[in-house]
Amino acid sequence: MNNIQKGLLTLMVTGIASASFVGCDEDDTFDINSPDWLSSRIDSIADAKANIVESDTVTVELNATDAGAKDYSTAWWTEFSDAVAIPSGKMLTFEFDNYGSGANNWNNWNLCVATNGTRDEEKGYREYFCLRSDMYGWGGNMADDGYVYDAANISSNYAEKAAEAGVEDMWAYFRDKMQGAHTVMKIQHVSAGYCYVTATMTATDGTVLVEEYFQTCSPADDIYAFLVCDASYFDNIEAYLTASEIVITESNPARLELANCPAFITLGDTAYHTGVTAKVYFEDGTSAEVDTLDLSFVAPDLSTTGEKTVTVIYNKTSRGNYSQPVYASYTIAVTDFKAIRIEPVKNVNYFIPTGETEVPVIANSVKVYGISSDDSETVLDNAYVEFSSVNDKGEFSATYQGLSANATVGVTTGCEQFGASDFSTGWWTVFAPDEQVAQGQTVTKTVQIRSDNVENWHCPVVILRNVALGEYAVLRADNYGWGSGYASATPESNWNWDTFKANLDGSVYTIEVTNNGATIDVKMTIIDAAGEEHFQNFIGISTTGDVQPADADDVYVSLTCEASYLVVK
């Protein structure tokens, strides 16, 4: 199992009984120019230290010691344990017996960590994350404040335990062991601004499963934790608070990472560091965002054109004391462009919904060149180019540092849009109409995805179901799926996963669904936003599994999406 403690901000494990902050003496001083993130963490450490009593354990009085229906009928987000506040520097322990329906991996315990326990946004409720017992989760709108969910921070010993038992199907093994498993879940609110979760599940046969996760949270404000049922229930719930087992130590900077560095600057301009952000990585493997006031920039020669190097210096420890410096650099081109030109990517088309007269530019489908006085050309970073929308004639313009150019792209009008244009569409909330696929028939759908390009699954999703809405399969265009008939399918694709997300927005999918009677084939041909052609197929989806068709013609296809929208031709 991975040791995820290395990701916490300069942390070390201590005994619960000691419950003191190591290396945080009363006489410690910090520079008055410490960045905001550091100052707030220093304050939270001092407050927590003042309030901690050695060996304190507080039993939380719960309104209910169980949650969920014992016939496994509890639907998602309808039954919860009590929500418990966790002050900075404290650790909440939930102890309970877990029971799941066994139908799905996620029909076990689920944990939500939020700003309060009301689940009412009008009362300031916002979520940091939801974590499932099957190594899955998602973030909430506290990500807007910089507290971002990161699936890479989940680890477990599930595969290791299944291998020790000689079981090939890890998840079947997991579902079996979770039935009746006594669960001890520790949720630590680390004063440095992290939430650290360790769940230890002891099966009825003594097998011990462990899952861990951590992410950032407010260093000072209370966080709240509660359990969520989903075709599961929890018995004999207990809760108690103790001091956090994790405290802060000193650590020197090891590496500086820069982002949002400007790529070009016009001759005569001096804003060579505008927008630059930085992250420092410390010697113990932890990291933190850096206030730009704590960065020193070595200015390049801006009096001549050409590529220049900007050096950036940071020289503070994780506690804000001065230390040996770390360096990073980026290049910036000083230009004297006389004009720009636009070159649309070949094969890329724009689908315009009925009733609309224009659509946003697909960033990866357009290249903009700066033309210098000697007629040489340089590809510009589109992040620094302003685009107009594309109208129903395919016309649009681009502007860069006062220079403008026009271009035309192909458009397809009269399309139908499903999902919100601001990418706010939630999962399983928007669907294209079901279309029947009779036996021996192939139905073809052509759809353009407009996506935020944030996750692989913000792509088109094909739903195959019968007239009663029983699902044969749900198929994501990122080579993933599920459903009663999916186990027999052969998924295949030729995606380049390094560029898949970046080229989602504007991709055009031609989707062919063939009803063979006992099986269904789905074949997708894709032109992505960069103009590259790909395929994504799911061959041999069974219609003879748990979901039975009324007859051979009882096959229907629909489409859905998440954090994106579909424009269907």
Protein backbone atom coordinates (compact mmCIF):
# COMPACT_ATOMS: atom_id res chain seq x y z
CA MET A 1 0.00 0.00 0.00
CA ASN A 2 1.31 3.44 -0.86
CA ASN A 3 2.43 5.69 1.96
CA ILE A 4 0.32 8.74 1.31
CA GLN A 5 1.63 10.62 4.32
CA LYS A 6 4.42 11.86 2.07
CA GLY A 7 1.89 14.16 0.39
CA LEU A 8 1.01 16.06 3.55
CA LEU A 9 2.63 19.40 4.26
CA THR A 10 5.73 18.51 6.30
CA LEU A 11 4.00 16.02 8.53
CA MET A 12 5.04 13.38 11.02
CA VAL A 13 3.12 10.82 13.06
CA THR A 14 3.17 11.11 16.84
CA GLY A 15 1.39 9.24 19.60
CA ILE A 16 -2.15 10.36 20.31
CA ALA A 17 -1.32 10.71 23.97
CA SER A 18 1.39 13.34 23.38
CA ALA A 19 -0.90 15.51 21.25
CA SER A 20 1.54 18.41 20.97
CA PHE A 21 2.88 20.33 17.98
CA VAL A 22 6.52 19.38 17.52
CA GLY A 23 8.86 22.20 16.52
CA CYS A 24 6.35 24.99 17.19
CA ASP A 25 7.86 26.67 20.25
CA GLU A 26 6.32 29.77 21.77
CA ASP A 27 9.41 31.75 20.76
CA ASP A 28 9.27 30.84 17.05
CA THR A 29 9.21 33.92 14.82
CA PHE A 30 8.09 34.32 11.22
CA ASP A 31 8.85 36.99 8.66
CA ILE A 32 6.16 39.63 8.40
CA ASN A 33 6.09 39.13 4.63
CA SER A 34 5.13 35.46 4.88
CA PRO A 35 2.65 34.52 2.14
CA ASP A 36 -1.04 34.43 3.02
CA TRP A 37 -1.24 30.62 2.92
CA LEU A 38 1.67 30.35 5.36
CA SER A 39 0.42 33.04 7.74
CA SER A 40 -3.01 31.44 8.02
CA ARG A 41 -1.47 28.04 8.75
CA ILE A 42 0.82 29.54 11.40
CA ASP A 43 -2.19 31.16 13.10
CA SER A 44 -4.19 27.93 12.99
CA ILE A 45 -1.30 26.00 14.54
CA ALA A 46 -1.05 28.47 17.41
CA ASP A 47 -4.81 28.37 18.04
CA ALA A 48 -4.95 24.60 17.98
CA LYS A 49 -1.93 24.28 20.26
CA ALA A 50 -3.53 26.54 22.85
CA ASN A 51 -6.67 24.42 22.98
CA ILE A 52 -5.20 20.90 23.05
CA VAL A 53 -5.26 18.94 26.29
CA GLU A 54 -2.95 15.95 26.49
CA SER A 55 -4.65 12.57 26.12
CA ASP A 56 -8.09 14.15 25.63
CA THR A 57 -10.77 11.94 24.14
CA VAL A 58 -14.27 13.30 23.61
CA THR A 59 -17.07 10.87 22.88
CA VAL A 60 -19.56 12.37 20.45
CA GLU A 61 -23.19 11.88 21.41
CA LEU A 62 -25.00 10.75 18.25
CA ASN A 63 -28.70 11.11 17.56
CA ALA A 64 -28.69 7.72 15.84
CA THR A 65 -26.31 4.77 16.07
CA ASP A 66 -27.39 3.27 12.75
CA ALA A 67 -28.14 4.51 9.25
CA GLY A 68 -29.83 3.00 6.20
CA ALA A 69 -32.51 0.37 5.60
CA LYS A 70 -31.52 -3.22 6.36
CA ASP A 71 -33.20 -4.49 3.19
CA TYR A 72 -30.65 -2.44 1.19
CA SER A 73 -33.39 -0.25 -0.29
CA THR A 74 -31.76 3.04 0.71
CA ALA A 75 -31.08 5.14 -2.38
CA TRP A 76 -28.02 7.33 -2.77
CA TRP A 77 -28.08 10.60 -0.83
CA THR A 78 -31.19 9.81 1.18
CA GLU A 79 -29.81 8.38 4.46
CA PHE A 80 -26.85 9.67 6.46
CA SER A 81 -25.09 9.31 9.77
CA ASP A 82 -24.86 12.32 12.05
CA ALA A 83 -22.47 14.98 10.78
CA VAL A 84 -19.65 15.68 13.24
CA ALA A 85 -17.51 18.83 13.39
CA ILE A 86 -13.74 18.32 13.36
CA PRO A 87 -11.80 21.36 14.65
CA SER A 88 -8.33 22.11 13.35
CA GLY A 89 -5.78 19.81 14.96
CA LYS A 90 -8.38 17.16 15.87
CA MET A 91 -9.15 13.67 14.61
CA LEU A 92 -12.64 12.19 14.34
CA THR A 93 -12.98 8.42 14.55
CA PHE A 94 -16.13 6.77 13.20
CA GLU A 95 -16.49 3.14 14.28
CA PHE A 96 -19.29 0.99 12.83
CA ASP A 97 -20.27 -2.28 11.17
CA ASN A 98 -20.63 -2.00 7.38
CA TYR A 99 -23.25 -3.92 5.38
CA GLY A 100 -23.72 -3.67 1.60
CA SER A 101 -26.09 -5.24 -0.91
CA GLY A 102 -23.17 -6.81 -2.78
CA ALA A 103 -24.61 -5.67 -6.11
CA ASN A 104 -21.95 -3.02 -6.75
CA ASN A 105 -18.60 -2.04 -5.25
CA TRP A 106 -20.01 1.31 -4.11
CA ASN A 107 -22.88 -0.24 -2.14
CA ASN A 108 -20.87 0.10 1.07
CA TRP A 109 -19.75 3.05 3.17
CA ASN A 110 -19.34 6.48 1.60
CA LEU A 111 -17.81 9.47 3.37
CA CYS A 112 -18.55 13.14 2.76
CA VAL A 113 -16.42 15.99 4.17
CA ALA A 114 -17.95 19.46 4.00
CA THR A 115 -18.02 22.93 5.56
CA ASN A 116 -21.03 22.07 7.72
CA GLY A 117 -23.46 19.22 8.25
CA THR A 118 -26.71 20.79 7.01
CA ARG A 119 -26.48 19.70 3.34
CA ASP A 120 -28.16 23.04 2.63
CA GLU A 121 -26.31 25.49 0.36
CA GLU A 122 -28.43 28.37 1.67
CA LYS A 123 -26.80 27.73 5.06
CA GLY A 124 -23.30 27.80 3.63
CA TYR A 125 -22.95 24.07 2.99
CA ARG A 126 -20.13 23.29 0.56
CA GLU A 127 -18.30 20.03 -0.01
CA TYR A 128 -14.60 19.30 0.04
CA PHE A 129 -15.00 15.76 -1.29
CA CYS A 130 -16.95 12.50 -1.25
CA LEU A 131 -14.92 9.31 -0.84
CA ARG A 132 -16.22 5.82 -1.58
CA SER A 133 -14.94 2.61 -0.04
CA ASP A 134 -14.11 1.27 -3.53
CA MET A 135 -11.24 3.73 -4.12
CA TYR A 136 -13.37 6.29 -5.92
CA GLY A 137 -14.52 9.79 -5.16
CA TRP A 138 -15.10 13.32 -6.42
CA GLY A 139 -14.64 16.90 -5.33
CA GLY A 140 -17.11 19.57 -4.35
CA ASN A 141 -17.37 23.31 -4.86
CA MET A 142 -14.71 23.99 -2.22
CA ALA A 143 -12.38 23.37 -5.17
CA ASP A 144 -13.28 26.95 -6.14
CA ASP A 145 -11.31 28.03 -3.04
CA GLY A 146 -8.32 25.90 -4.01
CA TYR A 147 -9.21 22.77 -2.02
CA VAL A 148 -9.12 20.33 -4.91
CA TYR A 149 -9.98 16.61 -4.89
CA ASP A 150 -7.20 14.44 -6.29
CA ALA A 151 -7.92 10.78 -7.08
CA ALA A 152 -4.18 10.12 -7.21
CA ASN A 153 -4.12 10.50 -3.41
CA ILE A 154 -6.27 7.37 -2.87
CA SER A 155 -4.45 4.17 -1.96
CA SER A 156 -5.47 0.77 -0.59
CA ASN A 157 -4.25 -2.77 0.07
CA TYR A 158 -7.19 -4.36 -1.78
CA ALA A 159 -5.18 -5.81 -4.66
CA GLU A 160 -2.48 -7.03 -2.28
CA LYS A 161 -5.01 -8.86 -0.07
CA ALA A 162 -6.83 -10.43 -3.03
CA ALA A 163 -3.50 -11.66 -4.41
CA GLU A 164 -2.53 -13.14 -1.03
CA ALA A 165 -5.85 -15.02 -1.04
CA GLY A 166 -5.26 -16.27 -4.59
CA VAL A 167 -8.35 -14.43 -5.90
CA GLU A 168 -8.16 -12.95 -9.41
CA ASP A 169 -11.31 -10.80 -9.16
CA MET A 170 -10.24 -8.18 -6.61
CA TRP A 171 -13.62 -6.46 -6.53
CA ALA A 172 -15.58 -9.68 -5.96
CA TYR A 173 -13.19 -10.33 -3.06
CA PHE A 174 -13.73 -6.77 -1.81
CA ARG A 175 -17.53 -6.99 -1.89
CA ASP A 176 -17.45 -10.27 0.02
CA LYS A 177 -15.13 -9.01 2.76
CA MET A 178 -17.03 -5.74 3.22
CA GLN A 179 -20.22 -7.56 4.24
CA GLY A 180 -20.36 -7.08 8.01
CA ALA A 181 -16.85 -5.59 8.13
CA HIS A 182 -16.07 -3.72 11.36
CA THR A 183 -14.86 -0.32 10.16
CA VAL A 184 -12.64 2.14 12.01
CA MET A 185 -12.43 5.38 10.03
CA LYS A 186 -10.05 8.13 11.13
CA ILE A 187 -10.56 11.61 9.66
CA GLN A 188 -7.75 13.96 10.68
CA HIS A 189 -8.05 17.73 10.31
CA VAL A 190 -4.37 18.57 10.10
CA SER A 191 -3.54 22.11 11.22
CA ALA A 192 -1.42 22.65 8.12
CA GLY A 193 -4.62 22.59 6.06
CA TYR A 194 -5.15 18.94 5.12
CA CYS A 195 -7.84 16.32 5.65
CA TYR A 196 -6.34 12.85 5.98
CA VAL A 197 -8.63 9.77 5.94
CA THR A 198 -7.68 6.22 6.95
CA ALA A 199 -10.41 3.55 6.88
CA THR A 200 -9.56 0.13 8.30
CA MET A 201 -12.14 -2.61 7.63
CA THR A 202 -11.84 -5.92 9.47
CA ALA A 203 -13.90 -8.64 7.75
CA THR A 204 -15.77 -11.28 9.72
CA ASP A 205 -12.97 -13.76 8.89
CA GLY A 206 -10.28 -11.38 10.20
CA THR A 207 -9.08 -10.04 6.83
CA VAL A 208 -8.01 -6.40 7.20
CA LEU A 209 -8.63 -4.00 4.30
CA VAL A 210 -7.30 -0.44 4.39
CA GLU A 211 -8.09 2.60 2.23
CA GLU A 212 -6.45 6.03 2.58
CA TYR A 213 -6.97 9.47 1.05
CA PHE A 214 -5.87 13.04 1.70
CA GLN A 215 -6.40 16.51 0.26
CA THR A 216 -6.23 20.15 1.30
CA CYS A 217 -8.90 21.81 3.43
CA SER A 218 -9.23 24.96 5.51
CA PRO A 219 -6.46 25.06 8.12
CA ALA A 220 -8.58 26.94 10.67
CA ASP A 221 -12.33 26.47 10.02
CA ASP A 222 -14.07 23.33 11.31
CA ILE A 223 -14.70 20.63 8.75
CA TYR A 224 -17.66 18.24 9.02
CA ALA A 225 -17.75 14.54 8.22
CA PHE A 226 -20.69 12.17 7.77
CA LEU A 227 -21.39 8.74 6.29
CA VAL A 228 -23.70 8.24 3.29
CA CYS A 229 -25.69 5.09 2.51
CA ASP A 230 -26.15 3.66 -0.98
CA ALA A 231 -27.95 0.29 -0.96
CA SER A 232 -26.02 -0.17 2.29
CA TYR A 233 -26.46 0.33 6.01
CA PHE A 234 -24.28 0.91 9.08
CA ASP A 235 -24.82 -0.51 12.58
CA ASN A 236 -23.37 0.32 16.00
CA ILE A 237 -22.02 3.71 14.95
CA GLU A 238 -19.73 5.37 17.48
CA ALA A 239 -17.80 8.60 17.15
CA TYR A 240 -15.12 10.29 19.21
CA LEU A 241 -12.64 13.13 18.88
CA THR A 242 -8.95 13.09 19.84
CA ALA A 243 -5.91 15.14 18.94
CA SER A 244 -4.68 14.72 15.39
CA GLU A 245 -1.84 12.24 15.05
CA ILE A 246 -0.11 14.47 12.48
CA VAL A 247 1.77 17.70 13.21
CA ILE A 248 4.06 20.13 11.42
CA THR A 249 7.85 20.07 11.12
CA GLU A 250 10.36 22.21 9.23
CA SER A 251 11.37 21.45 5.63
CA ASN A 252 13.60 23.19 3.08
CA PRO A 253 12.53 23.94 -0.49
CA ALA A 254 13.82 21.48 -3.09
CA ARG A 255 12.18 22.53 -6.35
CA LEU A 256 10.15 25.39 -7.78
CA GLU A 257 7.50 24.79 -10.44
CA LEU A 258 6.08 27.63 -12.55
CA ALA A 259 2.78 27.87 -14.44
CA ASN A 260 0.86 30.40 -16.54
CA CYS A 261 4.12 31.93 -17.79
CA PRO A 262 3.62 34.37 -20.68
CA ALA A 263 5.04 33.07 -23.96
CA PHE A 264 5.24 36.37 -25.87
CA ILE A 265 5.64 40.04 -25.14
CA THR A 266 5.62 42.97 -27.55
CA LEU A 267 8.78 45.02 -27.91
CA GLY A 268 8.51 47.92 -25.46
CA ASP A 269 6.24 46.10 -23.01
CA THR A 270 7.65 45.28 -19.54
CA ALA A 271 4.95 42.93 -18.18
CA TYR A 272 7.14 39.84 -18.57
CA HIS A 273 5.91 38.16 -15.37
CA THR A 274 2.20 38.99 -15.46
CA GLY A 275 0.03 36.04 -14.44
CA VAL A 276 2.87 33.74 -13.38
CA THR A 277 1.96 31.30 -10.60
CA ALA A 278 4.33 29.05 -8.67
CA LYS A 279 4.38 25.94 -6.52
CA VAL A 280 7.24 24.96 -4.24
CA TYR A 281 8.14 21.33 -3.48
CA PHE A 282 9.92 20.73 -0.18
CA GLU A 283 12.58 18.16 0.66
CA ASP A 284 10.10 15.83 2.37
CA GLY A 285 8.01 15.58 -0.81
CA THR A 286 5.28 18.01 0.23
CA SER A 287 4.30 21.12 -1.69
CA ALA A 288 2.49 24.45 -1.41
CA GLU A 289 1.34 27.31 -3.61
CA VAL A 290 3.66 30.32 -3.48
CA ASP A 291 2.56 33.92 -3.09
CA THR A 292 4.11 35.92 -5.93
CA LEU A 293 5.37 38.45 -3.34
CA ASP A 294 7.80 35.75 -2.20
CA LEU A 295 9.23 35.28 -5.68
CA SER A 296 12.16 37.21 -7.12
CA PHE A 297 12.27 37.69 -10.89
CA VAL A 298 15.50 38.36 -12.77
CA ALA A 299 14.45 40.61 -15.64
CA PRO A 300 15.65 39.74 -19.16
CA ASP A 301 16.80 42.20 -21.80
CA LEU A 302 13.57 43.61 -23.20
CA SER A 303 15.18 46.14 -25.53
CA THR A 304 15.64 43.69 -28.41
CA THR A 305 13.51 41.03 -30.05
CA GLY A 306 14.13 37.30 -29.66
CA GLU A 307 13.77 34.53 -27.10
CA LYS A 308 14.65 35.56 -23.55
CA THR A 309 15.08 33.62 -20.30
CA VAL A 310 13.41 34.76 -17.07
CA THR A 311 14.88 33.34 -13.85
CA VAL A 312 12.66 33.02 -10.76
CA ILE A 313 13.97 32.55 -7.20
CA TYR A 314 12.28 31.31 -4.00
CA ASN A 315 14.11 31.04 -0.65
CA LYS A 316 11.80 30.13 2.23
CA THR A 317 11.20 26.94 4.18
CA SER A 318 7.77 25.40 4.75
CA ARG A 319 7.62 27.38 7.99
CA GLY A 320 8.46 30.66 6.27
CA ASN A 321 12.02 31.04 7.52
CA TYR A 322 14.67 32.04 4.99
CA SER A 323 16.80 29.24 3.55
CA GLN A 324 18.94 28.36 0.57
CA PRO A 325 17.21 29.45 -2.68
CA VAL A 326 15.68 27.27 -5.38
CA TYR A 327 15.48 28.42 -8.98
CA ALA A 328 13.20 27.95 -11.97
CA SER A 329 13.08 29.65 -15.34
CA TYR A 330 10.91 30.12 -18.40
CA THR A 331 11.44 31.54 -21.85
CA ILE A 332 9.53 34.46 -23.30
CA ALA A 333 9.73 35.78 -26.85
CA VAL A 334 10.02 39.54 -27.34
CA THR A 335 8.28 40.16 -30.66
CA ASP A 336 7.62 42.92 -33.15
CA PHE A 337 4.76 41.29 -35.07
CA LYS A 338 3.35 43.36 -37.91
CA ALA A 339 0.35 41.09 -38.46
CA ILE A 340 -1.26 37.79 -37.48
CA ARG A 341 -3.01 35.10 -39.49
CA ILE A 342 -5.40 32.29 -38.58
CA GLU A 343 -5.10 28.72 -39.80
CA PRO A 344 -8.06 26.48 -38.91
CA VAL A 345 -7.28 22.78 -38.41
CA LYS A 346 -8.43 20.67 -41.35
CA ASN A 347 -11.43 18.33 -40.91
CA VAL A 348 -12.81 20.26 -37.93
CA ASN A 349 -16.44 21.36 -38.26
CA TYR A 350 -18.62 23.52 -35.99
CA PHE A 351 -22.15 22.32 -35.10
CA ILE A 352 -24.55 25.20 -34.43
CA PRO A 353 -27.80 24.39 -32.56
CA THR A 354 -31.15 25.44 -33.98
CA GLY A 355 -32.03 28.95 -32.83
CA GLU A 356 -28.37 29.92 -32.29
CA THR A 357 -26.42 32.18 -34.63
CA GLU A 358 -22.92 31.59 -33.23
CA VAL A 359 -20.85 29.22 -31.10
CA PRO A 360 -17.56 29.54 -29.16
CA VAL A 361 -14.28 28.85 -30.93
CA ILE A 362 -12.78 25.39 -30.37
CA ALA A 363 -9.39 26.37 -29.00
CA ASN A 364 -7.43 23.36 -30.27
CA SER A 365 -8.92 23.59 -33.76
CA VAL A 366 -7.33 26.93 -34.59
CA LYS A 367 -3.69 27.99 -34.93
CA VAL A 368 -2.76 31.67 -34.89
CA TYR A 369 0.57 32.83 -36.31
CA GLY A 370 2.41 36.06 -35.56
CA ILE A 371 4.12 37.53 -38.64
CA SER A 372 7.35 39.43 -37.94
CA SER A 373 8.83 42.28 -39.99
CA ASP A 374 11.03 39.80 -41.88
CA ASP A 375 7.88 37.76 -42.74
CA SER A 376 8.90 34.87 -40.47
CA GLU A 377 6.01 33.29 -38.57
CA THR A 378 5.61 32.09 -34.99
CA VAL A 379 2.74 29.97 -33.60
CA LEU A 380 1.09 31.87 -30.76
CA ASP A 381 -0.31 30.44 -27.55
CA ASN A 382 -4.10 30.66 -27.94
CA ALA A 383 -4.41 31.45 -24.24
CA TYR A 384 -3.20 34.96 -25.12
CA VAL A 385 -5.41 35.35 -28.20
CA GLU A 386 -8.94 36.78 -28.05
CA PHE A 387 -11.43 35.05 -30.35
CA SER A 388 -14.85 36.12 -31.49
CA SER A 389 -17.55 33.46 -31.75
CA VAL A 390 -18.05 31.55 -34.99
CA ASN A 391 -21.23 32.68 -36.76
CA ASP A 392 -23.58 30.58 -38.87
CA LYS A 393 -21.51 31.40 -41.95
CA GLY A 394 -18.38 30.05 -40.29
CA GLU A 395 -16.79 33.50 -39.92
CA PHE A 396 -14.79 34.57 -36.87
CA SER A 397 -11.84 36.77 -35.89
CA ALA A 398 -8.80 36.69 -33.62
CA THR A 399 -7.02 39.57 -31.86
CA TYR A 400 -3.52 39.56 -30.37
CA GLN A 401 -1.75 42.62 -28.94
CA GLY A 402 -3.84 44.96 -31.08
CA LEU A 403 -3.45 42.91 -34.27
CA SER A 404 -6.51 41.24 -35.82
CA ALA A 405 -7.24 38.64 -38.48
CA ASN A 406 -10.33 36.94 -39.91
CA ALA A 407 -10.95 33.36 -41.00
CA THR A 408 -13.71 30.97 -42.00
CA VAL A 409 -14.40 27.40 -40.87
CA GLY A 410 -16.97 24.79 -41.83
CA VAL A 411 -20.28 24.83 -39.98
CA THR A 412 -23.30 22.56 -39.71
CA THR A 413 -26.50 24.33 -38.70
CA GLY A 414 -29.87 23.04 -37.54
CA CYS A 415 -28.47 20.78 -34.82
CA GLU A 416 -30.03 19.97 -31.44
CA GLN A 417 -28.22 20.73 -28.18
CA PHE A 418 -28.40 18.60 -25.04
CA GLY A 419 -26.75 20.00 -21.91
CA ALA A 420 -25.79 23.44 -20.61
CA SER A 421 -23.41 25.67 -22.58
CA ASP A 422 -21.50 26.57 -19.38
CA PHE A 423 -20.53 22.89 -18.85
CA SER A 424 -22.62 22.69 -15.67
CA THR A 425 -24.54 19.57 -16.77
CA GLY A 426 -24.54 17.01 -13.97
CA TRP A 427 -24.20 13.27 -14.46
CA TRP A 428 -27.36 11.45 -15.59
CA THR A 429 -29.44 14.62 -15.90
CA VAL A 430 -29.66 15.25 -19.67
CA PHE A 431 -30.51 12.69 -22.38
CA ALA A 432 -31.02 12.70 -26.13
CA PRO A 433 -34.31 11.00 -27.11
CA ASP A 434 -34.28 7.20 -27.24
CA GLU A 435 -34.22 5.80 -30.77
CA GLN A 436 -35.18 2.21 -31.53
CA VAL A 437 -32.66 -0.11 -33.16
CA ALA A 438 -34.58 -3.02 -34.68
CA GLN A 439 -32.95 -6.43 -35.14
CA GLY A 440 -30.64 -6.36 -38.15
CA GLN A 441 -30.72 -2.57 -38.22
CA THR A 442 -27.88 -0.06 -37.74
CA VAL A 443 -28.72 3.38 -36.37
CA THR A 444 -26.15 6.13 -36.93
CA LYS A 445 -25.85 9.28 -34.83
CA THR A 446 -23.46 12.18 -35.49
CA VAL A 447 -22.65 14.33 -32.48
CA GLN A 448 -20.18 17.03 -31.53
CA ILE A 449 -19.03 17.17 -27.92
CA ARG A 450 -18.34 20.57 -26.35
CA SER A 451 -16.37 19.79 -23.21
CA ASP A 452 -14.45 21.53 -20.43
CA ASN A 453 -11.57 19.11 -21.20
CA VAL A 454 -11.02 18.53 -17.47
CA GLU A 455 -11.60 14.76 -17.21
CA ASN A 456 -11.54 11.85 -19.67
CA TRP A 457 -15.19 11.05 -18.91
CA HIS A 458 -16.41 14.50 -19.94
CA CYS A 459 -17.07 12.88 -23.30
CA PRO A 460 -20.11 11.43 -25.13
CA VAL A 461 -21.83 8.53 -23.35
CA VAL A 462 -23.97 5.98 -25.24
CA ILE A 463 -26.87 4.31 -23.39
CA LEU A 464 -28.28 1.00 -24.66
CA ARG A 465 -31.53 -0.04 -22.99
CA ASN A 466 -34.90 -1.65 -23.53
CA VAL A 467 -38.27 0.08 -23.67
CA ALA A 468 -38.62 -0.38 -19.87
CA LEU A 469 -35.28 1.49 -19.41
CA GLY A 470 -33.42 -1.65 -18.35
CA GLU A 471 -29.79 -1.04 -19.35
CA TYR A 472 -27.82 -3.44 -21.51
CA ALA A 473 -24.80 -1.15 -21.28
CA VAL A 474 -23.65 2.40 -20.61
CA LEU A 475 -20.62 3.17 -22.78
CA ARG A 476 -18.25 6.07 -22.27
CA ALA A 477 -16.20 7.20 -25.24
CA ASP A 478 -13.02 6.92 -23.15
CA ASN A 479 -13.01 3.10 -23.51
CA TYR A 480 -15.06 2.40 -20.38
CA GLY A 481 -18.52 1.06 -19.61
CA TRP A 482 -20.83 -1.00 -17.41
CA GLY A 483 -24.24 -2.68 -17.40
CA SER A 484 -25.78 -6.16 -17.53
CA GLY A 485 -24.49 -6.92 -21.03
CA TYR A 486 -21.16 -5.13 -20.81
CA ALA A 487 -19.19 -8.07 -19.40
CA SER A 488 -19.37 -9.88 -22.74
CA ALA A 489 -18.26 -6.81 -24.75
CA THR A 490 -14.83 -6.24 -26.27
CA PRO A 491 -13.84 -2.58 -25.89
CA GLU A 492 -11.20 -1.33 -28.30
CA SER A 493 -9.79 2.08 -29.23
CA ASN A 494 -6.68 3.78 -30.59
CA TRP A 495 -6.71 6.83 -28.34
CA ASN A 496 -3.59 8.76 -27.48
CA TRP A 497 -4.29 9.18 -23.77
CA ASP A 498 -1.66 11.94 -23.50
CA THR A 499 -3.82 14.20 -25.67
CA PHE A 500 -7.30 12.71 -25.21
CA LYS A 501 -8.65 15.26 -22.71
CA ALA A 502 -7.07 18.27 -24.39
CA ASN A 503 -8.71 17.41 -27.71
CA LEU A 504 -12.20 16.52 -26.45
CA ASP A 505 -13.86 19.89 -26.98
CA GLY A 506 -15.12 20.06 -30.56
CA SER A 507 -14.57 16.38 -31.39
CA VAL A 508 -17.14 14.96 -33.81
CA TYR A 509 -18.36 11.39 -33.22
CA THR A 510 -20.08 9.22 -35.82
CA ILE A 511 -21.73 6.50 -33.72
CA GLU A 512 -23.10 3.32 -35.32
CA VAL A 513 -25.29 1.01 -33.21
CA THR A 514 -26.09 -2.41 -34.68
CA ASN A 515 -28.68 -4.81 -33.21
CA ASN A 516 -27.52 -8.37 -33.97
CA GLY A 517 -30.30 -9.94 -31.92
CA ALA A 518 -28.35 -11.61 -29.09
CA THR A 519 -25.67 -8.93 -29.14
CA ILE A 520 -25.24 -5.24 -29.90
CA ASP A 521 -22.20 -3.64 -31.54
CA VAL A 522 -21.29 0.02 -31.08
CA LYS A 523 -18.67 1.56 -33.36
CA MET A 524 -17.48 5.16 -33.14
CA THR A 525 -15.39 7.07 -35.68
CA ILE A 526 -14.01 10.31 -34.27
CA ILE A 527 -12.37 13.43 -35.65
CA ASP A 528 -10.89 15.14 -32.57
CA ALA A 529 -10.33 18.88 -32.10
CA ALA A 530 -6.80 18.60 -33.50
CA GLY A 531 -8.15 17.04 -36.71
CA GLU A 532 -6.86 13.53 -35.88
CA GLU A 533 -9.04 10.48 -36.63
CA HIS A 534 -9.64 7.79 -33.98
CA PHE A 535 -11.98 4.89 -33.29
CA GLN A 536 -13.75 3.62 -30.18
CA ASN A 537 -15.68 0.33 -30.42
CA PHE A 538 -17.63 -1.94 -28.07
CA ILE A 539 -18.29 -5.27 -29.81
CA GLY A 540 -20.55 -8.08 -28.58
CA ILE A 541 -22.69 -6.43 -25.89
CA SER A 542 -25.10 -9.12 -24.67
CA THR A 543 -28.89 -8.76 -24.60
CA THR A 544 -29.30 -12.10 -22.79
CA GLY A 545 -28.03 -11.08 -19.35
CA ASP A 546 -29.95 -9.83 -16.31
CA VAL A 547 -31.89 -7.30 -18.41
CA GLN A 548 -34.11 -9.16 -20.87
CA PRO A 549 -35.60 -7.58 -24.01
CA ALA A 550 -39.31 -8.01 -24.69
CA ASP A 551 -38.33 -9.15 -28.18
CA ALA A 552 -35.40 -8.89 -30.57
CA ASP A 553 -36.42 -5.35 -31.55
CA ASP A 554 -36.43 -4.13 -27.94
CA VAL A 555 -33.18 -2.18 -28.21
CA TYR A 556 -33.00 1.62 -27.87
CA VAL A 557 -30.08 4.01 -27.98
CA SER A 558 -29.72 7.36 -26.21
CA LEU A 559 -26.89 9.74 -25.41
CA THR A 560 -25.85 11.63 -22.28
CA CYS A 561 -22.84 13.54 -20.97
CA GLU A 562 -21.31 15.21 -17.89
CA ALA A 563 -19.61 18.63 -17.49
CA SER A 564 -20.09 19.04 -21.23
CA TYR A 565 -22.87 19.28 -23.79
CA LEU A 566 -23.82 17.45 -26.97
CA VAL A 567 -24.76 19.00 -30.30
CA VAL A 568 -26.49 16.31 -32.38
CA LYS A 569 -26.80 16.53 -36.15
